[in-house]
Amino acid sequence: MRWIIALPILFSCLCSNFAASNSKVPAPPNFPGASVGISVIDLSSGLEVTGVNQDKLFTPASVLKLLTTATALERLSPEYRFSTSFFYSGEIKNGILYGNLIIRGGGDGTLGSVYFDSTQPDQTLLYFAEQLKKNGIHTINGKLIVDQTLFPEPRYPAGRLWEDMANYYGAAPSGLSWRDNTFHLTLSSPPRSGENCQIVSVSPPLDDINFISHVYSATHNRDSAYIFGYPGLSQWEVRGSIPTNRPEFTIRGALPNPGETFAHELAKHIDYDTDNNIIDIQDDINYEDLHLLFTHLSPPLEEIIQIVNQRSHNLLADHLFLLNGLNAPKHHSLWDVATWNTIKYWKNAGIDMPLRFHDGSGLSPKNLASPRFFTDLLRHVNQTQYQSVFQKSLSVSGQSGSLRRMWSTNNRRGRVLAKSGSMQGVLGYSGYIYTNSGRKLAFCIIVNNYTQPFLEIRNSIEEYINFFIDHY
C-alpha cells in the first residue's frame, strides 16, 4: 500500500520536472552593442536553469547592495544597532557643565535620517537636548567636541566619480553622519529658457562655501542640475538645467562636514555660558578620562537594510560596508580593507569567484561581478536563518520599490523579489522568482553598455523573466 500511494506522487514530480526541463527557455534579450549576462538557478535542486555569459564580469551598479546587506546580516545580526555616545569632561554642578561635551560617532548613517520615523532631524535634536537635561546639564561652560574618526581618511573610495561626489547620492560616509549627509540647495529660474538661474538658499547653511550657479533654465520638466565640489574646497559650482519659471526649485547635495553641521544644529538647543567658539572637531581623544552620559542607538539592521535595498540608499550601504574594514592597519585605506575582508569572508563561505569592487553601494563604475556570483550568493542566503529578513528587504513586483511597476499583473504581482541597479549604460535585476508552479528560483540579469532607451531595456528584461514565472 505504501508503494501504491508513493508512485502517483513520484510520477507527478517526474512529470513536473520533465515539463519544466523541456520548456524552451527563450533567447536572451538582444541589444546591439551591449553585453547581457544571465544566471537562473532552481533553489530546490541547486541546478542551473539557464545561463548566458554567467561567469563574465559585469558592472552591477546597485545590484551590489545584495552583497553588502547579506554580508552585514551574516557578520552582525538583524538586531544589530549602531551607537552614538555622549561623554563629558570636568564636573556638573547646579545644572552647569564646567567642562566639555564630547560626542563620539559610531558610524551611524541613520542619525537624523528622513527615511525612518524614529530618526527625523528635529525630533532627534530635541531628544538629545532632553537627555542632557535628564543628566543634569542645562548649561555648558565649555566646548562641544565631535569625534568622527571611526571612518578615517580617505573619505571616498577609489572609482568614485568627480561628478558624483558633491551630489546627495554620492555623499561620503562619516564616523558621525547627519541628515543622510545631505543639504538642500534652492534655485529660481526665469520664465524664458536659456537664462541663468539664481541660488535662493542653502539648508542647512554652509557658510564656508561659496556656491556659483551655472544652471540655465530649460523647457523640460526634470531636475538636470548637478553640484560639483569636494570637502575642503571653498567654492562649489552648480551646473546643468532646471525647468523654466520656477521661483523655488530644490536639488540635493552632499554635506562636506556632517559632524560639524550636526554640532552647530545641536548647539542651538543648548544654553552656553561662554561667548567663545564652542564647536571643535578632534581626532585624538582619551576616553578613559571622560564620563559617559548616555548612548543613542540606531534602528536595527533589519530596518536599515530595507532602506538600503528598497530605496537604494548609497550612504547607508557604504556605512555597512565600512564596518568590514574597522581596525584597518595604518597606511591602508579603510575602503580597501573592507573589500579584502568581504571577499575573504565569502571565499571561506564557499563563494570564490572573480570579483572587484571599491564600495558597498555599487556607485563605482569600476565594480565588477558575474551573474553567477549573485545567484550563488542568493542560494547561500536562502539556506540561512535570516533568509526571511533578507527577502523582506527586497522590492516586490507590482508592490514596492523599483519593482512597483514591473510584473504588476494579477498572476505576477508579488512573484519577483529583487534588487535593481542602474547607471549610465547599466541596468540589472537580481533576486528571487516564485513561479506559478510553486518553484523558487534565484536569478540575475545584467545589461552593460547599452545605448537604447531605458524603458526598452527594462521591458525586455521584464518579458524575459515572465517566462520563468509562467512556465517553469
Protein backbone atom coordinates (compact mmCIF):
# COMPACT_ATOMS: atom_id res chain seq x y z
CA MET A 1 0.00 0.00 0.00
CA ARG A 2 2.90 2.35 0.81
CA TRP A 3 4.26 1.94 -2.75
CA ILE A 4 0.82 2.45 -4.30
CA ILE A 5 0.48 5.79 -2.52
CA ALA A 6 4.03 6.91 -3.30
CA LEU A 7 4.03 6.07 -7.01
CA PRO A 8 1.49 8.74 -8.08
CA ILE A 9 3.43 11.36 -6.13
CA LEU A 10 6.72 10.25 -7.68
CA PHE A 11 5.13 10.17 -11.15
CA SER A 12 3.74 13.67 -10.64
CA CYS A 13 7.14 15.03 -9.59
CA LEU A 14 8.87 13.38 -12.54
CA CYS A 15 6.32 14.75 -14.98
CA SER A 16 6.60 18.20 -13.46
CA ASN A 17 10.39 18.17 -13.68
CA PHE A 18 10.20 16.81 -17.22
CA ALA A 19 7.81 19.57 -18.27
CA ALA A 20 9.96 22.26 -16.68
CA SER A 21 13.21 20.98 -18.14
CA ASN A 22 11.67 20.70 -21.60
CA SER A 23 10.00 24.11 -21.62
CA LYS A 24 12.06 26.04 -24.11
CA VAL A 25 13.82 28.92 -22.38
CA PRO A 26 13.53 31.92 -24.70
CA ALA A 27 16.56 33.51 -26.28
CA PRO A 28 18.08 36.22 -24.10
CA PRO A 29 17.31 39.86 -24.87
CA ASN A 30 19.49 41.19 -27.66
CA PHE A 31 20.65 44.80 -27.62
CA PRO A 32 23.13 45.67 -30.40
CA GLY A 33 26.44 46.81 -28.94
CA ALA A 34 25.52 45.79 -25.39
CA SER A 35 26.55 42.83 -23.24
CA VAL A 36 23.97 40.68 -21.44
CA GLY A 37 24.64 38.30 -18.56
CA ILE A 38 22.05 35.90 -17.14
CA SER A 39 22.05 33.28 -14.41
CA VAL A 40 18.95 31.42 -13.17
CA ILE A 41 19.11 28.51 -10.72
CA ASP A 42 16.44 26.29 -9.19
CA LEU A 43 16.82 26.56 -5.42
CA SER A 44 15.17 23.20 -4.72
CA SER A 45 17.75 21.28 -6.75
CA GLY A 46 20.58 23.79 -6.95
CA LEU A 47 20.77 23.17 -10.70
CA GLU A 48 21.21 25.85 -13.31
CA VAL A 49 18.05 26.55 -15.28
CA THR A 50 19.79 28.77 -17.80
CA GLY A 51 22.93 30.82 -18.13
CA VAL A 52 24.23 33.35 -20.63
CA ASN A 53 27.66 34.85 -20.01
CA GLN A 54 27.02 33.87 -16.41
CA ASP A 55 30.71 33.87 -15.49
CA LYS A 56 31.59 37.04 -17.34
CA LEU A 57 32.23 40.15 -15.24
CA PHE A 58 29.72 42.99 -15.46
CA THR A 59 29.33 46.37 -13.79
CA PRO A 60 26.47 45.61 -11.37
CA ALA A 61 25.58 49.14 -10.19
CA SER A 62 23.28 48.94 -7.14
CA VAL A 63 22.75 45.20 -7.51
CA LEU A 64 25.99 45.12 -5.49
CA LYS A 65 23.92 46.14 -2.44
CA LEU A 66 22.79 42.49 -2.25
CA LEU A 67 26.37 41.61 -1.31
CA THR A 68 26.60 44.48 1.18
CA THR A 69 23.37 43.68 3.01
CA ALA A 70 23.91 39.91 3.01
CA THR A 71 27.40 40.43 4.46
CA ALA A 72 26.02 42.70 7.19
CA LEU A 73 23.41 40.12 8.18
CA GLU A 74 25.99 37.33 8.17
CA ARG A 75 28.61 39.15 10.23
CA LEU A 76 26.30 41.05 12.57
CA SER A 77 22.64 40.15 13.15
CA PRO A 78 19.20 41.55 12.25
CA GLU A 79 19.10 43.15 15.72
CA TYR A 80 22.44 44.98 15.40
CA ARG A 81 22.32 48.72 16.10
CA PHE A 82 24.87 51.49 15.58
CA SER A 83 25.66 53.70 18.56
CA THR A 84 26.43 57.38 19.18
CA SER A 85 27.80 58.14 22.65
CA PHE A 86 27.79 61.36 24.67
CA PHE A 87 30.61 61.98 27.17
CA TYR A 88 31.67 64.90 29.31
CA SER A 89 34.82 66.18 30.96
CA GLY A 90 35.03 68.28 34.12
CA GLU A 91 32.08 68.35 36.51
CA ILE A 92 28.34 69.04 36.57
CA LYS A 93 27.28 71.47 39.29
CA ASN A 94 23.92 73.21 39.77
CA GLY A 95 22.83 72.35 36.22
CA ILE A 96 26.04 73.68 34.64
CA LEU A 97 28.67 71.52 32.96
CA TYR A 98 32.05 73.02 33.76
CA GLY A 99 33.86 71.19 31.01
CA ASN A 100 33.34 69.86 27.51
CA LEU A 101 30.56 67.81 25.93
CA ILE A 102 32.05 65.16 23.63
CA ILE A 103 30.02 63.28 21.02
CA ARG A 104 31.60 60.09 19.73
CA GLY A 105 30.29 58.94 16.37
CA GLY A 106 29.83 55.21 15.96
CA GLY A 107 29.28 55.11 12.21
CA ASP A 108 25.51 55.52 12.42
CA GLY A 109 24.31 56.59 8.98
CA THR A 110 20.71 56.85 10.24
CA LEU A 111 21.34 59.76 12.63
CA GLY A 112 18.91 62.48 11.58
CA SER A 113 17.82 60.46 8.55
CA VAL A 114 14.50 61.33 6.94
CA TYR A 115 13.92 57.68 5.98
CA PHE A 116 12.98 56.40 9.47
CA ASP A 117 10.16 57.61 11.70
CA SER A 118 12.41 57.49 14.77
CA THR A 119 15.35 59.45 13.30
CA GLN A 120 13.81 62.66 11.96
CA PRO A 121 16.31 65.55 12.42
CA ASP A 122 14.25 67.92 14.57
CA GLN A 123 12.98 65.27 16.94
CA THR A 124 16.49 63.81 17.22
CA LEU A 125 17.93 67.17 18.29
CA LEU A 126 15.13 67.70 20.82
CA TYR A 127 15.69 64.20 22.19
CA PHE A 128 19.41 64.81 22.70
CA ALA A 129 18.75 68.15 24.42
CA GLU A 130 16.22 66.47 26.73
CA GLN A 131 18.66 63.66 27.56
CA LEU A 132 21.29 66.22 28.56
CA LYS A 133 18.81 67.86 30.91
CA LYS A 134 17.86 64.49 32.39
CA ASN A 135 21.55 64.01 33.15
CA GLY A 136 21.67 67.35 34.96
CA ILE A 137 23.11 69.50 32.16
CA HIS A 138 21.11 72.65 31.42
CA THR A 139 24.04 74.92 30.55
CA ILE A 140 27.55 74.23 29.25
CA ASN A 141 30.61 76.22 30.18
CA GLY A 142 32.99 74.64 27.70
CA LYS A 143 33.10 73.26 24.18
CA LEU A 144 31.01 70.87 22.12
CA ILE A 145 33.53 68.42 20.68
CA VAL A 146 32.76 65.99 17.86
CA ASP A 147 34.73 62.79 17.22
CA GLN A 148 34.00 61.42 13.74
CA THR A 149 37.21 59.44 13.32
CA LEU A 150 35.71 55.94 13.25
CA PHE A 151 35.89 56.17 9.45
CA PRO A 152 39.25 57.85 8.75
CA GLU A 153 40.50 59.37 5.51
CA PRO A 154 40.21 58.84 2.60
CA ARG A 155 36.58 59.93 2.65
CA TYR A 156 35.86 58.48 -0.80
CA PRO A 157 36.71 55.08 -2.32
CA ALA A 158 38.71 54.53 -5.47
CA GLY A 159 36.48 54.85 -8.50
CA ARG A 160 34.12 57.48 -7.08
CA LEU A 161 33.44 59.87 -9.95
CA TRP A 162 34.03 63.61 -9.62
CA GLU A 163 30.52 64.34 -10.86
CA ASP A 164 29.05 62.16 -8.08
CA MET A 165 31.00 63.41 -5.06
CA ALA A 166 29.06 66.60 -4.29
CA ASN A 167 25.58 65.24 -5.05
CA TYR A 168 23.40 63.57 -2.43
CA TYR A 169 23.67 60.08 -3.92
CA GLY A 170 27.48 60.28 -3.74
CA ALA A 171 27.74 61.54 -0.15
CA ALA A 172 30.73 60.14 1.71
CA PRO A 173 30.15 58.22 4.96
CA SER A 174 31.45 59.65 8.21
CA GLY A 175 32.05 58.40 11.72
CA LEU A 176 29.29 60.86 12.62
CA SER A 177 26.87 61.24 9.73
CA TRP A 178 23.88 63.56 9.91
CA ARG A 179 20.73 64.19 7.81
CA ASP A 180 21.73 61.47 5.33
CA ASN A 181 24.80 63.70 4.78
CA THR A 182 22.57 65.82 2.55
CA PHE A 183 21.91 69.53 2.14
CA HIS A 184 19.27 71.28 0.03
CA LEU A 185 20.13 73.99 -2.48
CA THR A 186 17.21 76.02 -3.84
CA LEU A 187 17.34 77.79 -7.21
CA SER A 188 14.96 80.14 -9.01
CA SER A 189 14.54 80.04 -12.78
CA PRO A 190 13.33 82.83 -15.11
CA PRO A 191 10.30 82.43 -17.42
CA ARG A 192 12.41 82.19 -20.57
CA SER A 193 14.64 79.24 -21.42
CA GLY A 194 18.41 79.53 -21.76
CA GLU A 195 18.85 82.09 -18.98
CA ASN A 196 20.91 81.82 -15.81
CA CYS A 197 19.21 80.58 -12.62
CA GLN A 198 19.90 82.20 -9.26
CA ILE A 199 20.67 80.48 -5.95
CA VAL A 200 17.99 81.29 -3.38
CA SER A 201 19.12 79.38 -0.28
CA VAL A 202 21.20 76.53 1.13
CA SER A 203 19.84 74.45 4.02
CA PRO A 204 21.37 73.69 6.42
CA PRO A 205 23.60 76.75 5.94
CA LEU A 206 27.14 76.10 4.67
CA ASP A 207 28.77 79.45 5.39
CA ASP A 208 32.28 78.27 4.47
CA ILE A 209 31.30 77.53 0.87
CA ASN A 210 30.63 80.00 -1.93
CA PHE A 211 28.19 78.46 -4.40
CA ILE A 212 28.26 79.67 -8.01
CA SER A 213 25.38 78.87 -10.35
CA HIS A 214 25.98 77.97 -13.98
CA VAL A 215 22.49 76.47 -14.17
CA TYR A 216 20.26 77.60 -17.03
CA SER A 217 16.50 77.41 -17.48
CA ALA A 218 15.09 74.87 -19.93
CA THR A 219 11.72 73.82 -21.32
CA HIS A 220 11.94 70.28 -19.91
CA ASN A 221 10.26 69.31 -16.64
CA ARG A 222 13.02 67.47 -14.79
CA ASP A 223 15.99 68.03 -12.48
CA SER A 224 19.13 68.10 -14.63
CA ALA A 225 21.26 70.20 -12.27
CA TYR A 226 24.38 68.83 -10.58
CA ILE A 227 26.67 70.13 -7.86
CA PHE A 228 30.45 69.99 -8.17
CA GLY A 229 32.70 70.30 -5.13
CA TYR A 230 34.76 68.48 -2.54
CA PRO A 231 35.22 68.76 1.25
CA GLY A 232 37.78 71.49 1.85
CA LEU A 233 37.04 73.48 -1.31
CA SER A 234 35.73 76.97 -0.59
CA GLN A 235 33.99 77.36 -3.95
CA TRP A 236 31.46 74.89 -5.37
CA GLU A 237 29.68 75.09 -8.71
CA VAL A 238 26.18 74.10 -9.79
CA ARG A 239 25.76 73.19 -13.45
CA GLY A 240 23.06 71.85 -15.73
CA SER A 241 19.44 72.92 -16.15
CA ILE A 242 16.10 73.11 -14.37
CA PRO A 243 12.56 73.87 -15.67
CA THR A 244 11.66 77.46 -16.53
CA ASN A 245 9.58 79.77 -14.36
CA ARG A 246 10.22 78.11 -11.01
CA PRO A 247 10.57 80.57 -8.10
CA GLU A 248 11.90 77.71 -5.96
CA PHE A 249 13.42 74.52 -7.34
CA THR A 250 15.38 72.42 -4.84
CA ILE A 251 18.19 69.99 -5.55
CA ARG A 252 20.21 67.95 -3.06
CA GLY A 253 23.94 67.97 -2.40
CA ALA A 254 26.39 66.06 -0.21
CA LEU A 255 27.23 67.61 3.17
CA PRO A 256 31.01 68.16 3.21
CA ASN A 257 31.37 68.03 7.04
CA PRO A 258 28.33 66.32 8.56
CA GLY A 259 29.76 66.11 12.09
CA GLU A 260 30.36 69.84 12.20
CA THR A 261 26.90 70.57 10.80
CA PHE A 262 25.36 68.33 13.47
CA ALA A 263 27.29 70.11 16.22
CA HIS A 264 26.12 73.55 15.07
CA GLU A 265 22.50 72.40 14.95
CA LEU A 266 22.68 70.75 18.38
CA ALA A 267 24.31 73.86 19.86
CA LYS A 268 21.14 75.83 19.07
CA HIS A 269 19.27 73.58 21.52
CA ILE A 270 21.78 74.05 24.36
CA ASP A 271 22.45 77.04 26.62
CA TYR A 272 26.09 78.13 26.77
CA ASP A 273 27.77 80.14 29.48
CA THR A 274 30.52 81.41 27.19
CA ASP A 275 30.96 83.74 24.22
CA ASN A 276 33.83 81.74 22.73
CA ASN A 277 33.69 79.46 19.68
CA ILE A 278 32.03 76.37 21.10
CA ILE A 279 32.41 73.86 18.23
CA ASP A 280 35.53 71.74 17.92
CA ILE A 281 36.38 68.69 15.79
CA GLN A 282 39.03 66.48 17.40
CA ASP A 283 40.64 63.19 16.45
CA ASP A 284 42.82 62.33 19.46
CA ILE A 285 40.53 61.95 22.46
CA ASN A 286 41.38 59.90 25.54
CA TYR A 287 38.06 58.43 26.63
CA GLU A 288 39.50 56.94 29.81
CA ASP A 289 39.47 60.43 31.31
CA LEU A 290 35.83 61.10 30.35
CA HIS A 291 32.45 60.27 31.86
CA LEU A 292 29.72 58.56 29.82
CA LEU A 293 26.38 60.38 29.85
CA PHE A 294 24.25 58.22 27.55
CA THR A 295 24.36 56.22 24.32
CA HIS A 296 21.91 56.61 21.46
CA LEU A 297 21.11 53.56 19.32
CA SER A 298 20.09 53.43 15.67
CA PRO A 299 17.15 51.48 14.26
CA PRO A 300 18.00 47.76 13.97
CA LEU A 301 19.90 46.40 10.98
CA GLU A 302 16.73 44.65 9.82
CA GLU A 303 15.14 48.05 9.18
CA ILE A 304 18.30 49.62 7.78
CA ILE A 305 18.74 47.04 5.02
CA GLN A 306 15.15 47.62 3.91
CA ILE A 307 16.03 51.25 3.18
CA VAL A 308 19.31 50.20 1.56
CA ASN A 309 17.68 47.73 -0.83
CA GLN A 310 14.25 49.25 -1.44
CA ARG A 311 15.35 52.90 -1.58
CA SER A 312 18.84 52.08 -2.89
CA HIS A 313 20.37 54.28 -0.18
CA ASN A 314 24.05 54.61 -1.12
CA LEU A 315 25.23 56.25 2.11
CA LEU A 316 23.74 53.59 4.38
CA ALA A 317 25.16 50.86 2.15
CA ASP A 318 28.64 52.34 2.40
CA HIS A 319 28.30 52.65 6.18
CA LEU A 320 27.52 48.93 6.39
CA PHE A 321 30.36 48.14 4.03
CA LEU A 322 32.99 50.07 6.00
CA LEU A 323 32.22 48.07 9.15
CA ASN A 324 34.08 45.23 7.41
CA GLY A 325 37.27 47.27 7.46
CA LEU A 326 37.35 48.64 11.01
CA ASN A 327 40.70 48.50 12.80
CA ALA A 328 42.49 48.59 9.46
CA PRO A 329 46.30 48.77 9.70
CA LYS A 330 47.87 52.18 9.31
CA HIS A 331 48.66 53.27 5.77
CA HIS A 332 45.82 51.11 4.44
CA SER A 333 42.59 52.57 3.12
CA LEU A 334 39.55 51.54 5.16
CA TRP A 335 37.75 51.02 1.85
CA ASP A 336 40.42 48.61 0.60
CA VAL A 337 40.49 46.61 3.83
CA ALA A 338 36.68 46.36 3.81
CA THR A 339 36.89 44.99 0.26
CA TRP A 340 39.56 42.42 1.14
CA ASN A 341 37.71 41.25 4.25
CA THR A 342 34.42 40.92 2.37
CA ILE A 343 35.97 38.84 -0.41
CA LYS A 344 37.78 36.69 2.15
CA TYR A 345 34.59 36.11 4.12
CA TRP A 346 32.62 34.85 1.14
CA LYS A 347 35.53 32.80 -0.13
CA ASN A 348 35.55 30.99 3.22
CA ALA A 349 31.78 30.53 2.84
CA GLY A 350 32.35 28.71 -0.44
CA ILE A 351 31.68 31.51 -2.93
CA ASP A 352 35.05 32.01 -4.58
CA MET A 353 34.69 33.81 -7.90
CA PRO A 354 36.44 36.67 -9.70
CA LEU A 355 35.17 39.88 -8.14
CA ARG A 356 36.22 43.52 -7.99
CA PHE A 357 34.53 46.28 -6.07
CA HIS A 358 35.51 49.51 -4.33
CA ASP A 359 32.42 50.36 -2.28
CA GLY A 360 29.28 48.87 -0.80
CA SER A 361 26.79 50.98 -2.72
CA GLY A 362 27.66 49.95 -6.27
CA LEU A 363 28.20 53.58 -7.27
CA SER A 364 31.65 53.00 -8.74
CA PRO A 365 31.55 52.09 -12.45
CA LYS A 366 34.77 50.12 -11.83
CA ASN A 367 32.94 47.48 -9.76
CA LEU A 368 32.76 44.07 -11.44
CA ALA A 369 30.87 40.87 -10.60
CA SER A 370 29.37 37.96 -12.52
CA PRO A 371 25.68 36.99 -12.67
CA ARG A 372 26.59 33.57 -11.26
CA PHE A 373 28.18 35.25 -8.23
CA PHE A 374 24.86 36.83 -7.33
CA THR A 375 22.79 33.68 -7.81
CA ASP A 376 25.27 31.71 -5.69
CA LEU A 377 25.04 34.44 -3.05
CA LEU A 378 21.24 34.29 -3.15
CA ARG A 379 21.31 30.50 -2.87
CA HIS A 380 23.54 30.76 0.20
CA VAL A 381 21.26 33.34 1.84
CA ASN A 382 18.23 31.17 1.11
CA GLN A 383 19.70 28.47 3.36
CA THR A 384 20.31 30.74 6.35
CA GLN A 385 18.19 31.55 9.38
CA TYR A 386 17.88 35.18 8.31
CA GLN A 387 16.63 34.49 4.77
CA SER A 388 13.17 35.89 5.55
CA VAL A 389 14.72 39.13 6.89
CA PHE A 390 16.81 39.44 3.75
CA GLN A 391 13.86 38.81 1.44
CA LYS A 392 11.78 41.37 3.31
CA SER A 393 14.38 43.99 2.38
CA LEU A 394 13.89 43.47 -1.36
CA SER A 395 11.47 45.28 -3.65
CA VAL A 396 8.35 43.29 -4.54
CA SER A 397 6.93 43.12 -8.05
CA GLY A 398 3.80 45.20 -8.53
CA GLN A 399 4.01 46.45 -4.94
CA SER A 400 7.13 48.27 -3.79
CA GLY A 401 10.40 49.96 -4.64
CA SER A 402 11.81 49.83 -8.15
CA LEU A 403 9.58 46.84 -8.98
CA ARG A 404 6.31 48.65 -8.27
CA ARG A 405 5.50 48.98 -11.97
CA MET A 406 7.05 45.70 -13.08
CA TRP A 407 5.38 42.28 -13.17
CA SER A 408 2.25 44.01 -11.87
CA THR A 409 -0.48 41.86 -13.45
CA ASN A 410 -2.51 39.76 -11.03
CA ASN A 411 -0.76 36.48 -11.84
CA ARG A 412 2.72 38.02 -11.46
CA ARG A 413 2.29 40.56 -8.67
CA GLY A 414 4.39 39.57 -5.67
CA ARG A 415 6.21 36.78 -7.52
CA VAL A 416 9.52 38.62 -8.03
CA LEU A 417 11.56 39.91 -5.08
CA ALA A 418 14.69 41.67 -6.26
CA LYS A 419 17.21 44.49 -6.13
CA SER A 420 17.65 46.65 -9.18
CA GLY A 421 20.74 48.54 -10.24
CA SER A 422 21.21 51.24 -12.84
CA MET A 423 23.64 53.88 -14.02
CA GLN A 424 24.52 55.20 -17.44
CA GLY A 425 24.62 52.20 -19.78
CA VAL A 426 23.91 49.71 -16.95
CA LEU A 427 20.69 48.02 -15.86
CA GLY A 428 20.37 44.91 -13.75
CA TYR A 429 17.99 42.93 -11.56
CA SER A 430 18.76 40.13 -9.14
CA GLY A 431 16.69 38.30 -6.57
CA TYR A 432 14.09 35.55 -6.29
CA ILE A 433 11.28 34.32 -8.54
CA TYR A 434 8.28 32.41 -7.17
CA THR A 435 6.90 30.58 -10.18
CA ASN A 436 3.23 29.82 -10.75
CA SER A 437 4.03 26.11 -10.40
CA GLY A 438 5.39 26.61 -6.87
CA ARG A 439 9.12 26.67 -7.52
CA LYS A 440 11.58 29.20 -6.15
CA LEU A 441 14.40 30.43 -8.39
CA ALA A 442 17.36 32.73 -7.87
CA PHE A 443 18.12 34.96 -10.82
CA CYS A 444 20.41 37.71 -12.02
CA ILE A 445 20.28 39.58 -15.31
CA ILE A 446 22.62 42.49 -16.07
CA VAL A 447 22.95 44.58 -19.22
CA ASN A 448 26.08 46.68 -19.77
CA ASN A 449 26.96 49.31 -22.37
CA TYR A 450 23.50 49.71 -23.85
CA THR A 451 22.56 52.80 -25.86
CA GLN A 452 18.88 52.02 -26.34
CA PRO A 453 16.15 53.81 -24.32
CA PHE A 454 15.92 52.72 -20.69
CA LEU A 455 12.32 51.53 -20.99
CA GLU A 456 13.19 49.33 -23.96
CA ILE A 457 15.82 47.54 -21.86
CA ARG A 458 13.59 47.27 -18.81
CA ASN A 459 10.58 45.99 -20.74
CA SER A 460 12.70 43.35 -22.48
CA ILE A 461 14.04 42.13 -19.13
CA GLU A 462 10.52 42.01 -17.73
CA GLU A 463 9.26 39.99 -20.70
CA TYR A 464 12.18 37.56 -20.39
CA ILE A 465 11.51 36.90 -16.69
CA ASN A 466 7.81 36.37 -17.47
CA PHE A 467 8.71 33.00 -18.95
CA PHE A 468 10.09 31.69 -15.67
CA ILE A 469 7.10 32.95 -13.68
CA ASP A 470 4.55 31.44 -16.07
CA HIS A 471 6.16 28.31 -17.47
CA TYR A 472 8.82 26.95 -15.13
